[in-house]
Amino acid sequence: MVSPLVYAQGMNDEPISEAPKESTGLATVGTAAVVAIALIAFIGQNRSDAEVTWLFLDGTWPLWIVIVVSAVAGAVLSEVVGWLLRRRRRQKD
């Protein structure tokens, strides 16, 4: 199989570089294993409880749950705001 080449427009159709190669299954499994090990270490090191008071929620939760939920909520909020800004910009054009 011939690898695809990237061509510069209007430059005599000469290849300028090779297209990025697809990742192998071994790299994907390796990355997943590293992430899983890091997650297990994170949970093991953050097993203490944290008191949480927010709106109607009061209670004591494991610290790792508080951190993970906060991170996921921040990531979702960031994506939603980015989507709204892109949508607003497209509507102006």
Foldseek 3Di string as FASTA:
>chain_A
DDFDFDADPPPPRDGDGTDDDDDDPVVVVVVVVVVVVVLVVLCVVQQDWDFDDDDPDTDIDGPVVVVVVVVVVVVVVVVVVVVVVVVVVVVVD
